Amino acid sequence: MLMDVKAIRRFTVRPALPERLGALATLTGNLRWSWHGPTRELLAELAPDAWGSGLHDPASLFASVSQRRLEELAADDGFVERVDALRDDLERYLAEPRWYQGLSGDKPESVAYFSPEFGITAALPQYSGGLGILAGDHLKSASDLGVPLVGVGLFYRAGYFRQSLSPDGWQQETYPVLDPDGLPLQVLRLPDGSAAVVTLALPGGQSLSARV
């Protein structure tokens, strides 16, 4: 007897990064890779076929690379040097003063930028159109200029919907369920390791709590 079983959750198995390629985790853990040409070129070399097919998502890209391929790259001194050099460049990018730090006078330490969506990269599908793309470009520019802009938005568990046409010509929408563990996101944690929680007071003595 055949039965249709609905999947409860999908898991992606990723190979372990060799120690010599450990800097790749640092590079892909910061979204600068999405607009930094040299880092994108490195990722494309990691898995040319997958990257060429449009898989511009490090988490999914690593899942498509075999452990053997990673071991081969770890044995390539030239590739390892490039990985380490890009990691060092990212650390300088994050630490060195930029345009904003050179301004005179009193400057705010951080500026909150509220938007319902941020279109930084397709690997983080928290946008659906022009507003998100504009907000994402603002964050990228602020990052390059050293402006301490902090994007404040929402996490949509279903992401934006995808459209298709039925055989009868009717529009159909599907809402892919997003797994936070598979996205370039991290829960903000306090010094004791607990998750940071923001609580807002609501009418009627109620409150709304949200993790960051």
C-alpha atoms as a PDB file:
ATOM      1  CA  MET A   1       0.000   0.000   0.000  1.00  0.00           C
ATOM      2  CA  LEU A   2       1.360   3.417  -0.986  1.00  0.00           C
ATOM      3  CA  MET A   3       0.892   6.392   1.279  1.00  0.00           C
ATOM      4  CA  ASP A   4       1.685  10.074   0.789  1.00  0.00           C
ATOM      5  CA  VAL A   5       3.690  11.351   3.734  1.00  0.00           C
ATOM      6  CA  LYS A   6       4.087  15.061   4.281  1.00  0.00           C
ATOM      7  CA  ALA A   7       7.595  16.193   5.177  1.00  0.00           C
ATOM      8  CA  ILE A   8       7.780  17.704   8.637  1.00  0.00           C
ATOM      9  CA  ARG A   9      11.120  19.406   8.174  1.00  0.00           C
ATOM     10  CA  ARG A  10      13.945  19.361   5.664  1.00  0.00           C
ATOM     11  CA  PHE A  11      17.546  19.031   6.805  1.00  0.00           C
ATOM     12  CA  THR A  12      20.649  19.977   4.845  1.00  0.00           C
ATOM     13  CA  VAL A  13      23.844  18.029   5.543  1.00  0.00           C
ATOM     14  CA  ARG A  14      26.984  20.090   5.001  1.00  0.00           C
ATOM     15  CA  PRO A  15      30.580  18.828   4.925  1.00  0.00           C
ATOM     16  CA  ALA A  16      32.959  19.962   7.642  1.00  0.00           C
ATOM     17  CA  LEU A  17      35.413  22.688   6.698  1.00  0.00           C
ATOM     18  CA  PRO A  18      39.047  21.572   6.970  1.00  0.00           C
ATOM     19  CA  GLU A  19      41.036  23.549   9.531  1.00  0.00           C
ATOM     20  CA  ARG A  20      43.072  25.296   6.822  1.00  0.00           C
ATOM     21  CA  LEU A  21      39.847  26.642   5.298  1.00  0.00           C
ATOM     22  CA  GLY A  22      38.390  27.802   8.601  1.00  0.00           C
ATOM     23  CA  ALA A  23      38.553  31.436   7.446  1.00  0.00           C
ATOM     24  CA  LEU A  24      35.764  30.639   4.964  1.00  0.00           C
ATOM     25  CA  ALA A  25      33.341  30.548   7.890  1.00  0.00           C
ATOM     26  CA  THR A  26      34.370  34.091   8.824  1.00  0.00           C
ATOM     27  CA  LEU A  27      34.029  35.325   5.235  1.00  0.00           C
ATOM     28  CA  THR A  28      30.577  33.859   4.685  1.00  0.00           C
ATOM     29  CA  GLY A  29      29.372  34.788   8.173  1.00  0.00           C
ATOM     30  CA  ASN A  30      29.429  38.463   7.194  1.00  0.00           C
ATOM     31  CA  LEU A  31      27.070  39.582   4.427  1.00  0.00           C
ATOM     32  CA  ARG A  32      29.757  41.727   2.802  1.00  0.00           C
ATOM     33  CA  TRP A  33      30.424  38.702   0.593  1.00  0.00           C
ATOM     34  CA  SER A  34      27.174  39.533  -1.242  1.00  0.00           C
ATOM     35  CA  TRP A  35      28.646  42.729  -2.744  1.00  0.00           C
ATOM     36  CA  HIS A  36      32.408  42.167  -2.402  1.00  0.00           C
ATOM     37  CA  GLY A  37      33.762  41.073  -5.771  1.00  0.00           C
ATOM     38  CA  PRO A  38      36.937  39.224  -4.657  1.00  0.00           C
ATOM     39  CA  THR A  39      35.022  37.162  -2.097  1.00  0.00           C
ATOM     40  CA  ARG A  40      32.351  36.267  -4.634  1.00  0.00           C
ATOM     41  CA  GLU A  41      35.053  35.183  -7.084  1.00  0.00           C
ATOM     42  CA  LEU A  42      36.507  32.918  -4.404  1.00  0.00           C
ATOM     43  CA  LEU A  43      33.117  31.333  -3.716  1.00  0.00           C
ATOM     44  CA  ALA A  44      32.583  30.818  -7.429  1.00  0.00           C
ATOM     45  CA  GLU A  45      35.884  28.926  -7.597  1.00  0.00           C
ATOM     46  CA  LEU A  46      34.824  26.773  -4.660  1.00  0.00           C
ATOM     47  CA  ALA A  47      31.971  25.242  -6.654  1.00  0.00           C
ATOM     48  CA  PRO A  48      31.971  26.606 -10.240  1.00  0.00           C
ATOM     49  CA  ASP A  49      29.014  24.546 -11.490  1.00  0.00           C
ATOM     50  CA  ALA A  50      26.754  25.362  -8.540  1.00  0.00           C
ATOM     51  CA  TRP A  51      27.684  29.060  -8.545  1.00  0.00           C
ATOM     52  CA  GLY A  52      27.277  29.263 -12.301  1.00  0.00           C
ATOM     53  CA  SER A  53      23.785  27.810 -12.037  1.00  0.00           C
ATOM     54  CA  GLY A  54      22.756  30.704  -9.783  1.00  0.00           C
ATOM     55  CA  LEU A  55      23.342  29.156  -6.351  1.00  0.00           C
ATOM     56  CA  HIS A  56      24.708  32.355  -4.789  1.00  0.00           C
ATOM     57  CA  ASP A  57      24.164  31.269  -1.213  1.00  0.00           C
ATOM     58  CA  PRO A  58      27.209  30.111   0.805  1.00  0.00           C
ATOM     59  CA  ALA A  59      25.159  27.821   3.069  1.00  0.00           C
ATOM     60  CA  SER A  60      23.638  25.979   0.112  1.00  0.00           C
ATOM     61  CA  LEU A  61      26.911  26.195  -1.789  1.00  0.00           C
ATOM     62  CA  PHE A  62      28.797  24.365   0.951  1.00  0.00           C
ATOM     63  CA  ALA A  63      26.105  21.691   0.937  1.00  0.00           C
ATOM     64  CA  SER A  64      26.802  21.078  -2.750  1.00  0.00           C
ATOM     65  CA  VAL A  65      30.570  20.663  -2.248  1.00  0.00           C
ATOM     66  CA  SER A  66      31.935  17.235  -1.427  1.00  0.00           C
ATOM     67  CA  GLN A  67      34.308  16.650   1.456  1.00  0.00           C
ATOM     68  CA  ARG A  68      36.878  15.467  -1.080  1.00  0.00           C
ATOM     69  CA  ARG A  69      36.700  18.785  -2.941  1.00  0.00           C
ATOM     70  CA  LEU A  70      37.218  20.698   0.308  1.00  0.00           C
ATOM     71  CA  GLU A  71      40.223  18.554   1.196  1.00  0.00           C
ATOM     72  CA  GLU A  72      41.715  19.216  -2.244  1.00  0.00           C
ATOM     73  CA  LEU A  73      41.318  22.966  -1.797  1.00  0.00           C
ATOM     74  CA  ALA A  74      42.770  22.775   1.714  1.00  0.00           C
ATOM     75  CA  ALA A  75      45.896  21.201   0.195  1.00  0.00           C
ATOM     76  CA  ASP A  76      46.155  24.044  -2.361  1.00  0.00           C
ATOM     77  CA  ASP A  77      48.499  26.601  -0.744  1.00  0.00           C
ATOM     78  CA  GLY A  78      47.512  29.306  -3.223  1.00  0.00           C
ATOM     79  CA  PHE A  79      43.801  28.924  -2.494  1.00  0.00           C
ATOM     80  CA  VAL A  80      44.394  28.885   1.272  1.00  0.00           C
ATOM     81  CA  GLU A  81      46.468  32.072   1.017  1.00  0.00           C
ATOM     82  CA  ARG A  82      43.644  33.791  -0.869  1.00  0.00           C
ATOM     83  CA  VAL A  83      41.111  32.720   1.764  1.00  0.00           C
ATOM     84  CA  ASP A  84      43.302  34.009   4.594  1.00  0.00           C
ATOM     85  CA  ALA A  85      44.057  37.258   2.755  1.00  0.00           C
ATOM     86  CA  LEU A  86      40.362  37.949   2.220  1.00  0.00           C
ATOM     87  CA  ARG A  87      39.667  37.154   5.880  1.00  0.00           C
ATOM     88  CA  ASP A  88      42.350  39.678   6.898  1.00  0.00           C
ATOM     89  CA  ASP A  89      40.864  42.240   4.494  1.00  0.00           C
ATOM     90  CA  LEU A  90      37.419  41.762   6.051  1.00  0.00           C
ATOM     91  CA  GLU A  91      38.826  42.259   9.536  1.00  0.00           C
ATOM     92  CA  ARG A  92      40.501  45.507   8.427  1.00  0.00           C
ATOM     93  CA  TYR A  93      37.232  46.585   6.794  1.00  0.00           C
ATOM     94  CA  LEU A  94      35.410  46.104  10.096  1.00  0.00           C
ATOM     95  CA  ALA A  95      38.061  47.707  12.317  1.00  0.00           C
ATOM     96  CA  GLU A  96      39.657  50.575  10.406  1.00  0.00           C
ATOM     97  CA  PRO A  97      38.182  54.111  10.488  1.00  0.00           C
ATOM     98  CA  ARG A  98      36.194  55.035   7.405  1.00  0.00           C
ATOM     99  CA  TRP A  99      34.462  58.167   6.084  1.00  0.00           C
ATOM    100  CA  TYR A 100      32.060  58.523   9.014  1.00  0.00           C
ATOM    101  CA  GLN A 101      34.809  58.213  11.621  1.00  0.00           C
ATOM    102  CA  GLY A 102      36.646  61.119   9.976  1.00  0.00           C
ATOM    103  CA  LEU A 103      33.772  63.565  10.448  1.00  0.00           C
ATOM    104  CA  SER A 104      34.232  66.250  13.071  1.00  0.00           C
ATOM    105  CA  GLY A 105      31.782  67.136  15.820  1.00  0.00           C
ATOM    106  CA  ASP A 106      29.452  64.999  17.873  1.00  0.00           C
ATOM    107  CA  LYS A 107      28.211  61.905  16.064  1.00  0.00           C
ATOM    108  CA  PRO A 108      25.707  59.264  17.215  1.00  0.00           C
ATOM    109  CA  GLU A 109      27.225  55.892  18.037  1.00  0.00           C
ATOM    110  CA  SER A 110      24.440  54.128  16.162  1.00  0.00           C
ATOM    111  CA  VAL A 111      21.418  54.995  14.036  1.00  0.00           C
ATOM    112  CA  ALA A 112      18.349  52.734  13.859  1.00  0.00           C
ATOM    113  CA  TYR A 113      16.960  52.204  10.366  1.00  0.00           C
ATOM    114  CA  PHE A 114      13.437  50.760  10.489  1.00  0.00           C
ATOM    115  CA  SER A 115      12.121  48.957   7.422  1.00  0.00           C
ATOM    116  CA  PRO A 116       9.705  46.033   6.978  1.00  0.00           C
ATOM    117  CA  GLU A 117      12.193  44.384   4.604  1.00  0.00           C
ATOM    118  CA  PHE A 118      15.878  44.487   3.654  1.00  0.00           C
ATOM    119  CA  GLY A 119      16.991  43.233   0.245  1.00  0.00           C
ATOM    120  CA  ILE A 120      20.674  42.544   0.851  1.00  0.00           C
ATOM    121  CA  THR A 121      20.992  39.196  -0.927  1.00  0.00           C
ATOM    122  CA  ALA A 122      18.732  36.448  -2.225  1.00  0.00           C
ATOM    123  CA  ALA A 123      20.351  34.187   0.380  1.00  0.00           C
ATOM    124  CA  LEU A 124      18.340  36.189   2.945  1.00  0.00           C
ATOM    125  CA  PRO A 125      14.865  36.411   1.339  1.00  0.00           C
ATOM    126  CA  GLN A 126      13.399  39.057   3.630  1.00  0.00           C
ATOM    127  CA  TYR A 127      12.162  41.306   0.830  1.00  0.00           C
ATOM    128  CA  SER A 128       9.805  41.220  -2.119  1.00  0.00           C
ATOM    129  CA  GLY A 129      10.359  44.382  -4.143  1.00  0.00           C
ATOM    130  CA  GLY A 130      11.794  47.832  -4.578  1.00  0.00           C
ATOM    131  CA  LEU A 131      11.461  48.980  -0.964  1.00  0.00           C
ATOM    132  CA  GLY A 132      13.574  46.079   0.253  1.00  0.00           C
ATOM    133  CA  ILE A 133      16.205  46.566  -2.462  1.00  0.00           C
ATOM    134  CA  LEU A 134      16.458  50.268  -1.600  1.00  0.00           C
ATOM    135  CA  ALA A 135      16.805  49.513   2.122  1.00  0.00           C
ATOM    136  CA  GLY A 136      19.438  46.876   1.389  1.00  0.00           C
ATOM    137  CA  ASP A 137      21.433  49.339  -0.741  1.00  0.00           C
ATOM    138  CA  HIS A 138      21.300  51.857   2.108  1.00  0.00           C
ATOM    139  CA  LEU A 139      22.790  49.287   4.472  1.00  0.00           C
ATOM    140  CA  LYS A 140      25.545  48.360   2.012  1.00  0.00           C
ATOM    141  CA  SER A 141      26.498  51.999   1.417  1.00  0.00           C
ATOM    142  CA  ALA A 142      26.432  52.758   5.135  1.00  0.00           C
ATOM    143  CA  SER A 143      28.697  49.771   5.769  1.00  0.00           C
ATOM    144  CA  ASP A 144      31.269  50.913   3.186  1.00  0.00           C
ATOM    145  CA  LEU A 145      31.182  54.471   4.579  1.00  0.00           C
ATOM    146  CA  GLY A 146      31.478  53.340   8.197  1.00  0.00           C
ATOM    147  CA  VAL A 147      28.076  54.792   9.142  1.00  0.00           C
ATOM    148  CA  PRO A 148      26.814  52.878  12.218  1.00  0.00           C
ATOM    149  CA  LEU A 149      23.426  52.130  10.677  1.00  0.00           C
ATOM    150  CA  VAL A 150      21.498  49.309  12.348  1.00  0.00           C
ATOM    151  CA  GLY A 151      18.732  47.750  10.274  1.00  0.00           C
ATOM    152  CA  VAL A 152      15.605  46.960  12.302  1.00  0.00           C
ATOM    153  CA  GLY A 153      13.042  44.809  10.507  1.00  0.00           C
ATOM    154  CA  LEU A 154      10.945  41.662  10.739  1.00  0.00           C
ATOM    155  CA  PHE A 155      11.686  37.996  10.189  1.00  0.00           C
ATOM    156  CA  TYR A 156       9.146  36.416   7.856  1.00  0.00           C
ATOM    157  CA  ARG A 157       8.972  32.677   8.416  1.00  0.00           C
ATOM    158  CA  ALA A 158       7.431  32.078   4.977  1.00  0.00           C
ATOM    159  CA  GLY A 159       9.512  34.553   2.972  1.00  0.00           C
ATOM    160  CA  TYR A 160       8.117  36.058  -0.217  1.00  0.00           C
ATOM    161  CA  PHE A 161       5.857  33.952  -2.370  1.00  0.00           C
ATOM    162  CA  ARG A 162       6.712  32.496  -5.752  1.00  0.00           C
ATOM    163  CA  GLN A 163       4.325  32.705  -8.654  1.00  0.00           C
ATOM    164  CA  SER A 164       3.514  30.186 -11.358  1.00  0.00           C
ATOM    165  CA  LEU A 165       0.691  29.429 -13.752  1.00  0.00           C
ATOM    166  CA  SER A 166      -1.573  26.399 -13.556  1.00  0.00           C
ATOM    167  CA  PRO A 167      -2.365  24.386 -16.712  1.00  0.00           C
ATOM    168  CA  ASP A 168      -5.613  26.385 -16.828  1.00  0.00           C
ATOM    169  CA  GLY A 169      -3.744  29.693 -16.809  1.00  0.00           C
ATOM    170  CA  TRP A 170      -4.523  30.669 -13.206  1.00  0.00           C
ATOM    171  CA  GLN A 171      -1.901  32.300 -11.015  1.00  0.00           C
ATOM    172  CA  GLN A 172      -0.653  30.102  -8.197  1.00  0.00           C
ATOM    173  CA  GLU A 173       1.395  31.170  -5.200  1.00  0.00           C
ATOM    174  CA  THR A 174       3.695  29.066  -3.046  1.00  0.00           C
ATOM    175  CA  TYR A 175       5.218  30.243   0.200  1.00  0.00           C
ATOM    176  CA  PRO A 176       8.549  28.548   0.963  1.00  0.00           C
ATOM    177  CA  VAL A 177       9.053  27.951   4.684  1.00  0.00           C
ATOM    178  CA  LEU A 178      12.328  29.473   5.859  1.00  0.00           C
ATOM    179  CA  ASP A 179      14.568  27.627   8.301  1.00  0.00           C
ATOM    180  CA  PRO A 180      16.434  30.199  10.457  1.00  0.00           C
ATOM    181  CA  ASP A 181      19.290  27.719  10.937  1.00  0.00           C
ATOM    182  CA  GLY A 182      19.867  27.710   7.185  1.00  0.00           C
ATOM    183  CA  LEU A 183      19.983  31.507   6.814  1.00  0.00           C
ATOM    184  CA  PRO A 184      22.838  33.958   7.463  1.00  0.00           C
ATOM    185  CA  LEU A 185      21.291  34.990  10.770  1.00  0.00           C
ATOM    186  CA  GLN A 186      22.321  34.773  14.409  1.00  0.00           C
ATOM    187  CA  VAL A 187      20.321  35.318  17.570  1.00  0.00           C
ATOM    188  CA  LEU A 188      21.668  38.267  19.551  1.00  0.00           C
ATOM    189  CA  ARG A 189      22.841  37.002  22.932  1.00  0.00           C
ATOM    190  CA  LEU A 190      23.640  38.692  26.222  1.00  0.00           C
ATOM    191  CA  PRO A 191      26.991  38.215  28.000  1.00  0.00           C
ATOM    192  CA  ASP A 192      25.521  35.271  29.957  1.00  0.00           C
ATOM    193  CA  GLY A 193      24.597  33.507  26.721  1.00  0.00           C
ATOM    194  CA  SER A 194      20.836  34.025  26.971  1.00  0.00           C
ATOM    195  CA  ALA A 195      18.902  35.407  24.011  1.00  0.00           C
ATOM    196  CA  ALA A 196      18.292  39.164  24.010  1.00  0.00           C
ATOM    197  CA  VAL A 197      14.569  39.928  24.238  1.00  0.00           C
ATOM    198  CA  VAL A 198      12.784  43.223  23.593  1.00  0.00           C
ATOM    199  CA  THR A 199       9.476  43.663  25.431  1.00  0.00           C
ATOM    200  CA  LEU A 200       6.859  46.248  24.457  1.00  0.00           C
ATOM    201  CA  ALA A 201       3.940  47.272  26.642  1.00  0.00           C
ATOM    202  CA  LEU A 202       0.499  46.922  25.025  1.00  0.00           C
ATOM    203  CA  PRO A 203      -2.919  48.257  26.051  1.00  0.00           C
ATOM    204  CA  GLY A 204      -4.817  46.285  28.655  1.00  0.00           C
ATOM    205  CA  GLY A 205      -1.739  45.352  30.659  1.00  0.00           C
ATOM    206  CA  GLN A 206      -0.472  42.997  27.963  1.00  0.00           C
ATOM    207  CA  SER A 207       3.029  42.900  26.517  1.00  0.00           C
ATOM    208  CA  LEU A 208       4.736  41.701  23.354  1.00  0.00           C
ATOM    209  CA  SER A 209       8.170  40.098  23.484  1.00  0.00           C
ATOM    210  CA  ALA A 210      10.482  39.507  20.531  1.00  0.00           C
ATOM    211  CA  ARG A 211      13.951  38.069  20.140  1.00  0.00           C
ATOM    212  CA  VAL A 212      16.564  40.047  18.230  1.00  0.00           C
END
